N, C-alpha and C. Protein backbone atom coordinates (compact mmCIF):
# COMPACT_ATOMS: atom_id res chain seq x y z
N MET A 1 9.50 4.36 15.62
CA MET A 1 8.63 4.25 14.45
C MET A 1 7.26 3.76 14.89
N LYS A 2 6.22 4.51 14.56
CA LYS A 2 4.85 4.15 14.90
C LYS A 2 4.18 3.57 13.67
N THR A 3 3.72 2.34 13.76
CA THR A 3 3.21 1.63 12.59
C THR A 3 1.68 1.58 12.59
N CYS A 4 1.12 1.53 11.37
CA CYS A 4 -0.33 1.47 11.22
C CYS A 4 -0.70 0.48 10.14
N LEU A 5 -1.71 -0.33 10.40
CA LEU A 5 -2.31 -1.20 9.41
C LEU A 5 -3.66 -0.63 9.03
N ILE A 6 -3.87 -0.40 7.73
CA ILE A 6 -5.16 0.05 7.23
C ILE A 6 -5.78 -1.09 6.43
N ILE A 7 -6.99 -1.47 6.79
CA ILE A 7 -7.71 -2.54 6.09
C ILE A 7 -8.87 -1.91 5.33
N THR A 8 -8.81 -1.97 4.01
CA THR A 8 -9.85 -1.36 3.19
C THR A 8 -10.80 -2.43 2.67
N GLY A 9 -11.75 -1.99 1.83
CA GLY A 9 -12.83 -2.88 1.42
C GLY A 9 -12.64 -3.61 0.12
N GLY A 10 -11.42 -3.60 -0.45
CA GLY A 10 -11.17 -4.35 -1.68
C GLY A 10 -11.08 -5.84 -1.41
N ARG A 11 -10.69 -6.58 -2.44
CA ARG A 11 -10.57 -8.02 -2.28
C ARG A 11 -9.39 -8.36 -1.38
N LEU A 12 -9.60 -9.38 -0.56
CA LEU A 12 -8.56 -9.77 0.39
C LEU A 12 -8.53 -11.29 0.47
N ASP A 13 -7.38 -11.86 0.19
CA ASP A 13 -7.21 -13.31 0.30
C ASP A 13 -7.16 -13.67 1.79
N PRO A 14 -8.14 -14.39 2.31
CA PRO A 14 -8.20 -14.64 3.75
C PRO A 14 -6.98 -15.38 4.29
N ALA A 15 -6.48 -16.37 3.54
CA ALA A 15 -5.33 -17.13 4.00
C ALA A 15 -4.09 -16.25 4.09
N PHE A 16 -3.85 -15.45 3.03
CA PHE A 16 -2.71 -14.55 3.05
C PHE A 16 -2.84 -13.52 4.15
N ALA A 17 -4.00 -12.84 4.22
CA ALA A 17 -4.19 -11.77 5.20
C ALA A 17 -4.09 -12.30 6.63
N GLY A 18 -4.66 -13.47 6.87
CA GLY A 18 -4.59 -14.04 8.21
C GLY A 18 -3.17 -14.35 8.61
N SER A 19 -2.41 -14.96 7.71
CA SER A 19 -1.01 -15.28 8.00
C SER A 19 -0.20 -14.01 8.22
N PHE A 20 -0.41 -13.00 7.37
CA PHE A 20 0.33 -11.75 7.51
C PHE A 20 0.05 -11.08 8.85
N CYS A 21 -1.21 -11.02 9.24
CA CYS A 21 -1.57 -10.35 10.48
C CYS A 21 -1.08 -11.11 11.71
N ARG A 22 -0.99 -12.41 11.61
CA ARG A 22 -0.46 -13.18 12.75
C ARG A 22 1.05 -12.97 12.91
N ARG A 23 1.73 -12.73 11.79
CA ARG A 23 3.19 -12.59 11.83
C ARG A 23 3.66 -11.16 12.08
N ASN A 24 2.74 -10.22 12.07
CA ASN A 24 3.13 -8.82 12.21
C ASN A 24 2.23 -8.12 13.23
N SER A 25 2.81 -7.17 13.93
CA SER A 25 2.03 -6.38 14.90
C SER A 25 2.12 -4.90 14.52
N PHE A 26 1.10 -4.15 14.90
CA PHE A 26 1.01 -2.74 14.54
C PHE A 26 0.57 -1.92 15.75
N ASP A 27 1.02 -0.69 15.80
CA ASP A 27 0.63 0.19 16.90
C ASP A 27 -0.81 0.65 16.78
N ARG A 28 -1.31 0.71 15.53
CA ARG A 28 -2.67 1.16 15.31
C ARG A 28 -3.26 0.41 14.12
N VAL A 29 -4.53 0.03 14.22
CA VAL A 29 -5.24 -0.61 13.12
C VAL A 29 -6.47 0.23 12.79
N ILE A 30 -6.60 0.59 11.51
CA ILE A 30 -7.75 1.38 11.05
C ILE A 30 -8.51 0.55 10.01
N ALA A 31 -9.80 0.38 10.23
CA ALA A 31 -10.65 -0.29 9.25
C ALA A 31 -11.41 0.76 8.47
N VAL A 32 -11.47 0.57 7.16
CA VAL A 32 -12.09 1.55 6.27
C VAL A 32 -13.40 0.97 5.72
N ASP A 33 -14.52 1.49 6.19
CA ASP A 33 -15.84 1.11 5.67
C ASP A 33 -15.97 -0.41 5.53
N GLY A 34 -16.06 -0.92 4.28
CA GLY A 34 -16.18 -2.36 4.07
C GLY A 34 -15.00 -3.15 4.60
N GLY A 35 -13.92 -2.48 4.93
CA GLY A 35 -12.79 -3.14 5.58
C GLY A 35 -13.16 -3.72 6.94
N LEU A 36 -14.27 -3.23 7.51
CA LEU A 36 -14.75 -3.83 8.77
C LEU A 36 -15.16 -5.28 8.55
N ASP A 37 -15.75 -5.58 7.38
CA ASP A 37 -16.08 -6.97 7.06
C ASP A 37 -14.83 -7.82 6.99
N ARG A 38 -13.78 -7.27 6.35
CA ARG A 38 -12.51 -8.00 6.24
C ARG A 38 -11.90 -8.20 7.62
N ALA A 39 -11.94 -7.15 8.44
CA ALA A 39 -11.38 -7.26 9.80
C ALA A 39 -12.13 -8.30 10.61
N SER A 40 -13.44 -8.33 10.46
CA SER A 40 -14.26 -9.30 11.20
C SER A 40 -13.90 -10.72 10.81
N SER A 41 -13.72 -10.96 9.51
CA SER A 41 -13.37 -12.31 9.05
C SER A 41 -12.01 -12.75 9.56
N LEU A 42 -11.14 -11.78 9.86
CA LEU A 42 -9.80 -12.08 10.37
C LEU A 42 -9.74 -12.09 11.89
N GLY A 43 -10.84 -11.77 12.54
CA GLY A 43 -10.87 -11.72 14.00
C GLY A 43 -10.13 -10.53 14.56
N ILE A 44 -10.08 -9.42 13.81
CA ILE A 44 -9.35 -8.23 14.22
C ILE A 44 -10.32 -7.17 14.72
N ILE A 45 -10.01 -6.59 15.86
CA ILE A 45 -10.77 -5.45 16.37
C ILE A 45 -9.94 -4.20 16.12
N PRO A 46 -10.37 -3.31 15.24
CA PRO A 46 -9.56 -2.13 14.93
C PRO A 46 -9.60 -1.10 16.06
N ASP A 47 -8.60 -0.25 16.07
CA ASP A 47 -8.59 0.87 17.01
C ASP A 47 -9.51 1.98 16.53
N MET A 48 -9.68 2.06 15.21
CA MET A 48 -10.44 3.14 14.62
C MET A 48 -11.17 2.63 13.38
N ALA A 49 -12.34 3.20 13.12
CA ALA A 49 -13.10 2.90 11.90
C ALA A 49 -13.40 4.22 11.21
N VAL A 50 -13.10 4.27 9.90
CA VAL A 50 -13.23 5.51 9.14
C VAL A 50 -14.06 5.25 7.89
N GLY A 51 -14.96 6.18 7.56
CA GLY A 51 -15.69 6.06 6.30
C GLY A 51 -17.13 6.51 6.41
N ASP A 52 -17.87 6.30 5.32
CA ASP A 52 -19.31 6.60 5.33
C ASP A 52 -20.13 5.35 5.65
N PHE A 53 -19.48 4.20 5.64
CA PHE A 53 -20.06 2.92 6.06
C PHE A 53 -21.31 2.55 5.24
N ASP A 54 -21.18 2.77 3.94
CA ASP A 54 -22.27 2.41 3.04
C ASP A 54 -22.08 1.04 2.39
N THR A 55 -20.91 0.42 2.62
CA THR A 55 -20.66 -0.89 2.02
C THR A 55 -20.48 -2.00 3.05
N VAL A 56 -20.23 -1.66 4.30
CA VAL A 56 -20.07 -2.70 5.32
C VAL A 56 -21.41 -3.36 5.61
N SER A 57 -21.40 -4.65 5.89
CA SER A 57 -22.65 -5.36 6.19
C SER A 57 -23.22 -4.88 7.53
N ARG A 58 -24.52 -4.82 7.61
CA ARG A 58 -25.17 -4.30 8.81
C ARG A 58 -24.84 -5.09 10.08
N PRO A 59 -24.85 -6.44 10.05
CA PRO A 59 -24.53 -7.18 11.27
C PRO A 59 -23.11 -6.89 11.78
N VAL A 60 -22.14 -6.78 10.85
CA VAL A 60 -20.77 -6.49 11.27
C VAL A 60 -20.68 -5.08 11.84
N LEU A 61 -21.34 -4.13 11.20
CA LEU A 61 -21.32 -2.75 11.70
C LEU A 61 -21.91 -2.69 13.10
N GLU A 62 -23.02 -3.38 13.32
CA GLU A 62 -23.65 -3.38 14.65
C GLU A 62 -22.76 -4.06 15.68
N LYS A 63 -22.07 -5.13 15.27
CA LYS A 63 -21.17 -5.82 16.20
C LYS A 63 -20.06 -4.88 16.68
N TYR A 64 -19.44 -4.19 15.74
CA TYR A 64 -18.32 -3.31 16.11
C TYR A 64 -18.81 -2.06 16.83
N ARG A 65 -20.02 -1.61 16.54
CA ARG A 65 -20.56 -0.43 17.23
C ARG A 65 -20.71 -0.68 18.73
N LYS A 66 -20.81 -1.92 19.13
CA LYS A 66 -20.98 -2.26 20.55
C LYS A 66 -19.65 -2.27 21.31
N ILE A 67 -18.55 -2.17 20.59
CA ILE A 67 -17.23 -2.19 21.25
C ILE A 67 -16.87 -0.75 21.62
N PRO A 68 -16.78 -0.44 22.91
CA PRO A 68 -16.70 0.96 23.34
C PRO A 68 -15.40 1.67 23.01
N TYR A 69 -14.30 0.95 22.85
CA TYR A 69 -13.02 1.65 22.69
C TYR A 69 -12.64 1.90 21.23
N ILE A 70 -13.46 1.48 20.29
CA ILE A 70 -13.19 1.82 18.88
C ILE A 70 -13.55 3.29 18.65
N ILE A 71 -12.64 4.02 18.03
CA ILE A 71 -12.89 5.42 17.68
C ILE A 71 -13.53 5.45 16.30
N TRP A 72 -14.64 6.16 16.18
CA TRP A 72 -15.38 6.22 14.92
C TRP A 72 -15.24 7.61 14.29
N GLU A 73 -14.87 7.62 13.02
CA GLU A 73 -14.84 8.86 12.25
C GLU A 73 -15.79 8.66 11.07
N VAL A 74 -16.99 9.21 11.19
CA VAL A 74 -18.05 8.96 10.23
C VAL A 74 -18.17 10.15 9.28
N HIS A 75 -18.22 9.85 7.98
CA HIS A 75 -18.32 10.89 6.96
C HIS A 75 -19.57 10.67 6.12
N GLU A 76 -20.02 11.73 5.48
CA GLU A 76 -21.13 11.64 4.56
C GLU A 76 -20.68 10.94 3.27
N PRO A 77 -21.59 10.21 2.60
CA PRO A 77 -21.22 9.55 1.34
C PRO A 77 -20.77 10.54 0.27
N GLU A 78 -21.38 11.73 0.23
CA GLU A 78 -21.00 12.74 -0.75
C GLU A 78 -19.84 13.56 -0.19
N LYS A 79 -18.63 13.27 -0.65
CA LYS A 79 -17.45 13.95 -0.14
C LYS A 79 -16.39 13.99 -1.22
N ASN A 80 -15.35 14.74 -0.99
CA ASN A 80 -14.30 14.94 -2.00
C ASN A 80 -13.21 13.89 -1.96
N GLU A 81 -13.12 13.10 -0.89
CA GLU A 81 -12.06 12.11 -0.74
C GLU A 81 -12.67 10.71 -0.64
N THR A 82 -11.88 9.71 -1.02
CA THR A 82 -12.29 8.34 -0.76
C THR A 82 -12.10 8.04 0.73
N ASP A 83 -12.76 7.01 1.18
CA ASP A 83 -12.59 6.60 2.59
C ASP A 83 -11.15 6.22 2.89
N THR A 84 -10.48 5.61 1.90
CA THR A 84 -9.08 5.22 2.12
C THR A 84 -8.19 6.45 2.29
N GLU A 85 -8.43 7.50 1.51
CA GLU A 85 -7.65 8.72 1.70
C GLU A 85 -7.88 9.31 3.09
N LEU A 86 -9.10 9.30 3.54
CA LEU A 86 -9.40 9.82 4.88
C LEU A 86 -8.68 9.00 5.96
N ALA A 87 -8.61 7.69 5.75
CA ALA A 87 -7.92 6.83 6.72
C ALA A 87 -6.42 7.11 6.73
N ILE A 88 -5.84 7.31 5.55
CA ILE A 88 -4.41 7.63 5.48
C ILE A 88 -4.14 8.96 6.17
N ARG A 89 -4.98 9.94 5.92
CA ARG A 89 -4.81 11.23 6.59
C ARG A 89 -4.87 11.07 8.10
N LYS A 90 -5.80 10.25 8.56
CA LYS A 90 -5.94 10.04 10.01
C LYS A 90 -4.71 9.36 10.58
N ALA A 91 -4.19 8.37 9.87
CA ALA A 91 -2.99 7.67 10.34
C ALA A 91 -1.82 8.63 10.46
N ILE A 92 -1.64 9.49 9.46
CA ILE A 92 -0.54 10.45 9.50
C ILE A 92 -0.76 11.45 10.63
N ALA A 93 -2.00 11.92 10.81
CA ALA A 93 -2.30 12.87 11.89
C ALA A 93 -2.04 12.27 13.26
N CYS A 94 -2.17 10.94 13.36
CA CYS A 94 -1.92 10.25 14.64
C CYS A 94 -0.43 9.99 14.88
N GLY A 95 0.41 10.42 13.95
CA GLY A 95 1.84 10.28 14.13
C GLY A 95 2.43 8.99 13.61
N CYS A 96 1.67 8.24 12.81
CA CYS A 96 2.20 7.00 12.25
C CYS A 96 3.22 7.32 11.17
N THR A 97 4.34 6.63 11.20
CA THR A 97 5.43 6.87 10.25
C THR A 97 5.63 5.70 9.29
N GLN A 98 4.87 4.64 9.47
CA GLN A 98 4.91 3.51 8.54
C GLN A 98 3.51 2.95 8.41
N ILE A 99 2.99 2.90 7.18
CA ILE A 99 1.62 2.47 6.93
C ILE A 99 1.62 1.29 5.96
N THR A 100 0.90 0.25 6.32
CA THR A 100 0.69 -0.90 5.45
C THR A 100 -0.80 -0.99 5.15
N ILE A 101 -1.13 -1.12 3.85
CA ILE A 101 -2.53 -1.13 3.44
C ILE A 101 -2.88 -2.49 2.85
N LEU A 102 -3.89 -3.13 3.40
CA LEU A 102 -4.43 -4.39 2.89
C LEU A 102 -5.81 -4.13 2.30
N GLY A 103 -6.18 -4.90 1.28
CA GLY A 103 -7.50 -4.78 0.69
C GLY A 103 -7.64 -3.61 -0.27
N ALA A 104 -6.51 -3.08 -0.74
CA ALA A 104 -6.53 -1.91 -1.62
C ALA A 104 -6.45 -2.27 -3.09
N THR A 105 -6.44 -3.56 -3.41
CA THR A 105 -6.33 -4.01 -4.80
C THR A 105 -7.43 -5.03 -5.09
N GLY A 106 -7.61 -5.32 -6.39
CA GLY A 106 -8.47 -6.43 -6.78
C GLY A 106 -9.93 -6.11 -6.90
N GLY A 107 -10.35 -4.89 -6.53
CA GLY A 107 -11.75 -4.53 -6.69
C GLY A 107 -11.91 -3.56 -7.85
N ARG A 108 -12.57 -2.44 -7.60
CA ARG A 108 -12.74 -1.43 -8.64
C ARG A 108 -11.39 -0.84 -9.03
N PHE A 109 -11.14 -0.78 -10.34
CA PHE A 109 -9.84 -0.33 -10.82
C PHE A 109 -9.59 1.14 -10.49
N ASP A 110 -10.64 1.98 -10.53
CA ASP A 110 -10.44 3.40 -10.22
C ASP A 110 -9.99 3.58 -8.78
N HIS A 111 -10.56 2.81 -7.87
CA HIS A 111 -10.13 2.89 -6.47
C HIS A 111 -8.71 2.34 -6.31
N MET A 112 -8.42 1.25 -6.98
CA MET A 112 -7.08 0.67 -6.88
C MET A 112 -6.02 1.65 -7.37
N LEU A 113 -6.28 2.28 -8.52
CA LEU A 113 -5.33 3.24 -9.07
C LEU A 113 -5.19 4.45 -8.15
N ALA A 114 -6.29 4.93 -7.62
CA ALA A 114 -6.23 6.05 -6.68
C ALA A 114 -5.43 5.68 -5.43
N ASN A 115 -5.56 4.44 -4.98
CA ASN A 115 -4.81 4.00 -3.80
C ASN A 115 -3.31 4.05 -4.03
N VAL A 116 -2.88 3.69 -5.24
CA VAL A 116 -1.45 3.77 -5.57
C VAL A 116 -0.99 5.23 -5.51
N PHE A 117 -1.78 6.13 -6.08
CA PHE A 117 -1.41 7.54 -6.06
C PHE A 117 -1.46 8.12 -4.66
N LEU A 118 -2.29 7.57 -3.79
CA LEU A 118 -2.34 8.05 -2.41
C LEU A 118 -1.04 7.78 -1.66
N LEU A 119 -0.26 6.83 -2.14
CA LEU A 119 1.05 6.59 -1.53
C LEU A 119 1.94 7.83 -1.64
N TYR A 120 1.66 8.65 -2.64
CA TYR A 120 2.47 9.87 -2.83
C TYR A 120 2.24 10.86 -1.69
N ARG A 121 1.01 10.92 -1.16
CA ARG A 121 0.74 11.76 0.00
C ARG A 121 1.64 11.36 1.16
N CYS A 122 1.79 10.06 1.35
CA CYS A 122 2.65 9.56 2.43
C CYS A 122 4.11 9.94 2.17
N LEU A 123 4.56 9.72 0.93
CA LEU A 123 5.94 10.04 0.58
C LEU A 123 6.24 11.50 0.83
N GLN A 124 5.33 12.38 0.46
CA GLN A 124 5.53 13.81 0.63
C GLN A 124 5.69 14.20 2.10
N GLN A 125 5.14 13.40 3.00
CA GLN A 125 5.18 13.72 4.42
C GLN A 125 6.17 12.83 5.18
N GLY A 126 7.04 12.16 4.43
CA GLY A 126 8.08 11.36 5.06
C GLY A 126 7.60 10.09 5.72
N VAL A 127 6.45 9.60 5.28
CA VAL A 127 5.87 8.38 5.84
C VAL A 127 6.10 7.22 4.87
N LYS A 128 6.65 6.12 5.36
CA LYS A 128 6.83 4.94 4.54
C LYS A 128 5.49 4.22 4.42
N ALA A 129 5.07 3.93 3.19
CA ALA A 129 3.77 3.29 2.99
C ALA A 129 3.84 2.29 1.86
N CYS A 130 3.07 1.22 1.99
CA CYS A 130 3.01 0.22 0.93
C CYS A 130 1.63 -0.40 0.89
N ILE A 131 1.29 -0.91 -0.27
CA ILE A 131 0.07 -1.68 -0.49
C ILE A 131 0.48 -3.14 -0.67
N LEU A 132 -0.17 -4.03 0.04
CA LEU A 132 0.16 -5.45 -0.04
C LEU A 132 -1.05 -6.27 -0.44
N ASP A 133 -0.81 -7.28 -1.27
CA ASP A 133 -1.74 -8.38 -1.44
C ASP A 133 -0.92 -9.65 -1.59
N ARG A 134 -1.57 -10.75 -1.87
CA ARG A 134 -0.85 -12.03 -1.91
C ARG A 134 0.28 -12.02 -2.92
N GLN A 135 0.10 -11.33 -4.05
CA GLN A 135 1.10 -11.36 -5.11
C GLN A 135 2.01 -10.15 -5.15
N ASN A 136 1.60 -9.02 -4.59
CA ASN A 136 2.29 -7.77 -4.85
C ASN A 136 2.59 -6.96 -3.60
N LYS A 137 3.72 -6.27 -3.66
CA LYS A 137 4.04 -5.20 -2.72
C LYS A 137 4.29 -3.96 -3.56
N ILE A 138 3.52 -2.91 -3.32
CA ILE A 138 3.58 -1.69 -4.12
C ILE A 138 4.01 -0.54 -3.22
N PHE A 139 5.05 0.17 -3.63
CA PHE A 139 5.52 1.33 -2.85
C PHE A 139 6.21 2.30 -3.80
N LEU A 140 6.54 3.47 -3.29
CA LEU A 140 7.15 4.52 -4.10
C LEU A 140 8.61 4.73 -3.69
N ILE A 141 9.40 5.17 -4.68
CA ILE A 141 10.82 5.41 -4.46
C ILE A 141 11.17 6.80 -4.98
N GLU A 142 11.96 7.53 -4.20
CA GLU A 142 12.59 8.77 -4.64
C GLU A 142 14.10 8.58 -4.62
N GLU A 143 14.75 8.87 -5.71
CA GLU A 143 16.21 8.93 -5.84
C GLU A 143 16.90 7.57 -5.84
N SER A 144 16.66 6.73 -4.82
CA SER A 144 17.40 5.47 -4.78
C SER A 144 16.73 4.48 -3.84
N HIS A 145 17.06 3.21 -4.06
CA HIS A 145 16.58 2.16 -3.17
C HIS A 145 17.44 0.92 -3.37
N THR A 146 17.74 0.22 -2.29
CA THR A 146 18.51 -1.02 -2.34
C THR A 146 17.60 -2.20 -2.04
N PHE A 147 17.68 -3.23 -2.87
CA PHE A 147 16.87 -4.44 -2.72
C PHE A 147 17.74 -5.59 -2.24
N LEU A 148 17.25 -6.33 -1.27
CA LEU A 148 17.92 -7.54 -0.79
C LEU A 148 17.08 -8.75 -1.18
N ALA A 149 17.70 -9.73 -1.80
CA ALA A 149 16.97 -10.90 -2.26
C ALA A 149 16.21 -11.59 -1.13
N SER A 150 16.79 -11.58 0.05
CA SER A 150 16.19 -12.27 1.19
C SER A 150 14.94 -11.57 1.72
N ARG A 151 14.69 -10.33 1.27
CA ARG A 151 13.57 -9.57 1.81
C ARG A 151 12.54 -9.18 0.74
N LEU A 152 12.70 -9.71 -0.47
CA LEU A 152 11.76 -9.39 -1.54
C LEU A 152 10.41 -10.05 -1.32
N TRP A 153 9.35 -9.37 -1.73
CA TRP A 153 8.00 -9.94 -1.68
C TRP A 153 7.85 -11.04 -2.71
N GLY A 154 8.48 -10.83 -3.88
CA GLY A 154 8.51 -11.81 -4.96
C GLY A 154 9.73 -11.54 -5.81
N LYS A 155 10.07 -12.46 -6.71
CA LYS A 155 11.32 -12.33 -7.44
C LYS A 155 11.27 -11.26 -8.53
N TYR A 156 10.08 -10.87 -8.98
CA TYR A 156 9.98 -9.88 -10.05
C TYR A 156 9.93 -8.47 -9.45
N ILE A 157 10.67 -7.55 -10.07
CA ILE A 157 10.71 -6.16 -9.62
C ILE A 157 10.45 -5.27 -10.82
N SER A 158 9.42 -4.44 -10.72
CA SER A 158 9.05 -3.56 -11.83
C SER A 158 9.05 -2.11 -11.38
N PHE A 159 9.37 -1.23 -12.34
CA PHE A 159 9.39 0.21 -12.06
C PHE A 159 8.55 0.94 -13.11
N LEU A 160 7.76 1.89 -12.64
CA LEU A 160 6.94 2.74 -13.51
C LEU A 160 7.02 4.17 -12.99
N PRO A 161 7.00 5.16 -13.88
CA PRO A 161 7.00 6.55 -13.40
C PRO A 161 5.64 6.90 -12.79
N LEU A 162 5.67 7.57 -11.65
CA LEU A 162 4.42 8.05 -11.06
C LEU A 162 3.99 9.37 -11.70
N LEU A 163 4.98 10.22 -11.97
CA LEU A 163 4.68 11.58 -12.44
C LEU A 163 5.45 11.89 -13.71
N GLY A 164 5.05 11.30 -14.81
CA GLY A 164 5.60 11.68 -16.11
C GLY A 164 6.79 10.90 -16.58
N GLN A 165 7.95 11.06 -15.91
CA GLN A 165 9.17 10.45 -16.40
C GLN A 165 10.14 10.21 -15.24
N LEU A 166 10.91 9.14 -15.37
CA LEU A 166 12.04 8.90 -14.47
C LEU A 166 13.30 9.15 -15.26
N LYS A 167 14.10 10.11 -14.82
CA LYS A 167 15.29 10.50 -15.58
C LYS A 167 16.56 9.93 -14.94
N GLY A 168 17.38 9.35 -15.81
CA GLY A 168 18.70 8.88 -15.37
C GLY A 168 18.69 7.63 -14.53
N ILE A 169 17.80 6.67 -14.87
CA ILE A 169 17.76 5.42 -14.09
C ILE A 169 19.04 4.61 -14.31
N THR A 170 19.62 4.17 -13.22
CA THR A 170 20.71 3.20 -13.26
C THR A 170 20.32 2.01 -12.39
N LEU A 171 20.39 0.82 -12.96
CA LEU A 171 20.08 -0.41 -12.24
C LEU A 171 21.35 -1.24 -12.13
N GLU A 172 21.77 -1.51 -10.90
CA GLU A 172 22.95 -2.33 -10.65
C GLU A 172 22.55 -3.56 -9.86
N GLY A 173 23.12 -4.71 -10.22
CA GLY A 173 22.77 -5.95 -9.54
C GLY A 173 21.48 -6.57 -10.04
N PHE A 174 21.03 -6.15 -11.23
CA PHE A 174 19.80 -6.67 -11.81
C PHE A 174 20.13 -7.54 -13.04
N LYS A 175 19.23 -8.46 -13.33
CA LYS A 175 19.38 -9.32 -14.51
C LYS A 175 19.43 -8.48 -15.78
N TYR A 176 18.64 -7.41 -15.81
CA TYR A 176 18.64 -6.49 -16.95
C TYR A 176 19.07 -5.11 -16.45
N PRO A 177 20.37 -4.82 -16.48
CA PRO A 177 20.87 -3.55 -15.94
C PRO A 177 20.55 -2.38 -16.88
N LEU A 178 20.60 -1.19 -16.32
CA LEU A 178 20.44 0.04 -17.08
C LEU A 178 21.48 1.04 -16.61
N LYS A 179 21.80 1.98 -17.51
CA LYS A 179 22.75 3.03 -17.16
C LYS A 179 22.22 4.37 -17.67
N ASP A 180 21.87 5.25 -16.75
CA ASP A 180 21.45 6.61 -17.08
C ASP A 180 20.33 6.63 -18.13
N TYR A 181 19.28 5.86 -17.88
CA TYR A 181 18.18 5.69 -18.84
C TYR A 181 16.99 6.53 -18.41
N ASP A 182 16.35 7.22 -19.36
CA ASP A 182 15.14 7.99 -19.10
C ASP A 182 13.92 7.15 -19.44
N LEU A 183 13.08 6.89 -18.45
CA LEU A 183 11.91 6.04 -18.62
C LEU A 183 10.65 6.89 -18.73
N ASP A 184 9.97 6.80 -19.88
CA ASP A 184 8.72 7.52 -20.08
C ASP A 184 7.55 6.74 -19.49
N ALA A 185 6.47 7.46 -19.21
CA ALA A 185 5.27 6.82 -18.67
C ALA A 185 4.67 5.82 -19.66
N ALA A 186 4.82 6.08 -20.94
CA ALA A 186 4.25 5.20 -21.97
C ALA A 186 5.23 4.13 -22.40
N SER A 187 5.94 3.55 -21.45
CA SER A 187 6.92 2.51 -21.75
C SER A 187 6.83 1.39 -20.72
N SER A 188 7.02 0.16 -21.19
CA SER A 188 7.03 -1.00 -20.28
C SER A 188 8.45 -1.54 -20.13
N ARG A 189 9.43 -0.72 -20.41
CA ARG A 189 10.84 -1.16 -20.41
C ARG A 189 11.27 -1.76 -19.06
N CYS A 190 10.74 -1.26 -17.98
CA CYS A 190 11.22 -1.68 -16.66
C CYS A 190 10.25 -2.61 -15.93
N ILE A 191 9.51 -3.40 -16.69
CA ILE A 191 8.61 -4.38 -16.09
C ILE A 191 9.31 -5.74 -15.97
N SER A 192 9.10 -6.42 -14.86
CA SER A 192 9.56 -7.80 -14.64
C SER A 192 11.07 -7.98 -14.72
N ASN A 193 11.79 -7.13 -14.02
CA ASN A 193 13.22 -7.35 -13.85
C ASN A 193 13.43 -8.29 -12.67
N GLU A 194 14.68 -8.73 -12.47
CA GLU A 194 15.02 -9.61 -11.36
C GLU A 194 16.41 -9.27 -10.87
N LEU A 195 16.67 -9.59 -9.62
CA LEU A 195 18.02 -9.44 -9.10
C LEU A 195 18.91 -10.52 -9.70
N SER A 196 20.16 -10.16 -9.96
CA SER A 196 21.11 -11.14 -10.48
C SER A 196 21.92 -11.79 -9.36
N GLY A 197 21.82 -11.23 -8.16
CA GLY A 197 22.54 -11.78 -7.01
C GLY A 197 21.77 -11.51 -5.74
N GLU A 198 22.48 -11.28 -4.66
CA GLU A 198 21.83 -11.08 -3.37
C GLU A 198 21.37 -9.65 -3.15
N LYS A 199 21.86 -8.72 -3.98
CA LYS A 199 21.53 -7.32 -3.75
C LYS A 199 21.47 -6.56 -5.07
N GLY A 200 20.55 -5.60 -5.16
CA GLY A 200 20.45 -4.74 -6.33
C GLY A 200 20.09 -3.34 -5.89
N ARG A 201 20.37 -2.38 -6.77
CA ARG A 201 20.13 -0.99 -6.41
C ARG A 201 19.63 -0.20 -7.61
N ILE A 202 18.63 0.65 -7.38
CA ILE A 202 18.17 1.60 -8.38
C ILE A 202 18.51 3.01 -7.92
N THR A 203 18.99 3.83 -8.82
CA THR A 203 19.18 5.26 -8.58
C THR A 203 18.63 6.01 -9.79
N PHE A 204 18.16 7.22 -9.57
CA PHE A 204 17.73 8.07 -10.67
C PHE A 204 17.78 9.53 -10.22
N ARG A 205 17.88 10.42 -11.20
CA ARG A 205 18.08 11.84 -10.92
C ARG A 205 16.79 12.59 -10.64
N GLU A 206 15.71 12.18 -11.30
CA GLU A 206 14.49 12.98 -11.23
C GLU A 206 13.27 12.10 -11.38
N GLY A 207 12.23 12.42 -10.62
CA GLY A 207 10.98 11.70 -10.71
C GLY A 207 10.68 10.88 -9.47
N VAL A 208 9.54 10.22 -9.51
CA VAL A 208 9.11 9.30 -8.45
C VAL A 208 8.74 7.98 -9.11
N ALA A 209 9.27 6.89 -8.59
CA ALA A 209 9.04 5.57 -9.18
C ALA A 209 8.02 4.78 -8.38
N ILE A 210 7.08 4.20 -9.11
CA ILE A 210 6.24 3.15 -8.53
C ILE A 210 7.02 1.85 -8.62
N CYS A 211 7.23 1.20 -7.51
CA CYS A 211 7.92 -0.09 -7.51
C CYS A 211 6.94 -1.19 -7.14
N VAL A 212 6.94 -2.26 -7.91
CA VAL A 212 6.10 -3.42 -7.61
C VAL A 212 6.99 -4.65 -7.49
N GLU A 213 7.05 -5.20 -6.29
CA GLU A 213 7.70 -6.51 -6.10
C GLU A 213 6.59 -7.54 -6.18
N SER A 214 6.73 -8.51 -7.08
CA SER A 214 5.59 -9.41 -7.32
C SER A 214 6.03 -10.85 -7.52
N ARG A 215 5.06 -11.73 -7.37
CA ARG A 215 5.29 -13.16 -7.61
C ARG A 215 4.07 -13.72 -8.34
N ASP A 216 4.28 -14.79 -9.10
CA ASP A 216 3.18 -15.40 -9.83
C ASP A 216 2.27 -16.18 -8.90
């Protein structure tokens, strides 16, 4: 499994991000435009920098430009994709099979929402991907997933349909179980569930689920 960390230009809790990066290692690190500022504050030298670089501070950009082994993929500001989408495409093209994205939440809501939908590109290509911040772990599920209490990001687990409806949801091992339930996009029925024991499982017949493991 080849892993990739993508650091984007959204809000990033320095204490959380620093602790996370010290505890985890990645085969490749990609900084996205203003994510270079975040990487600099964390003392991280990325393997690659992607974007139009219209939001990164000039001193940080000049500092990283002097490092010869960083690969630069520079795009025009007027383009059809966000810088984060371009970074995800690059990670997949490089053979990464697991992607973790930091700095993808807490800023502009349109970018944050687009970042969640970009996880679907990863899912379609068999790449495991998630968005992390101090409170949340966001990822997508097809068909089924097993949760272990010892590995949860936070005690709350929420499910939302990515594409219209989730058909036939069954929740086992949850505080609020379900049996063969169809969840519409305009419903909050599956927000803030919890495991009732050490393990829980979701299964469904049709659809793609946004899963959010969260803590207060």
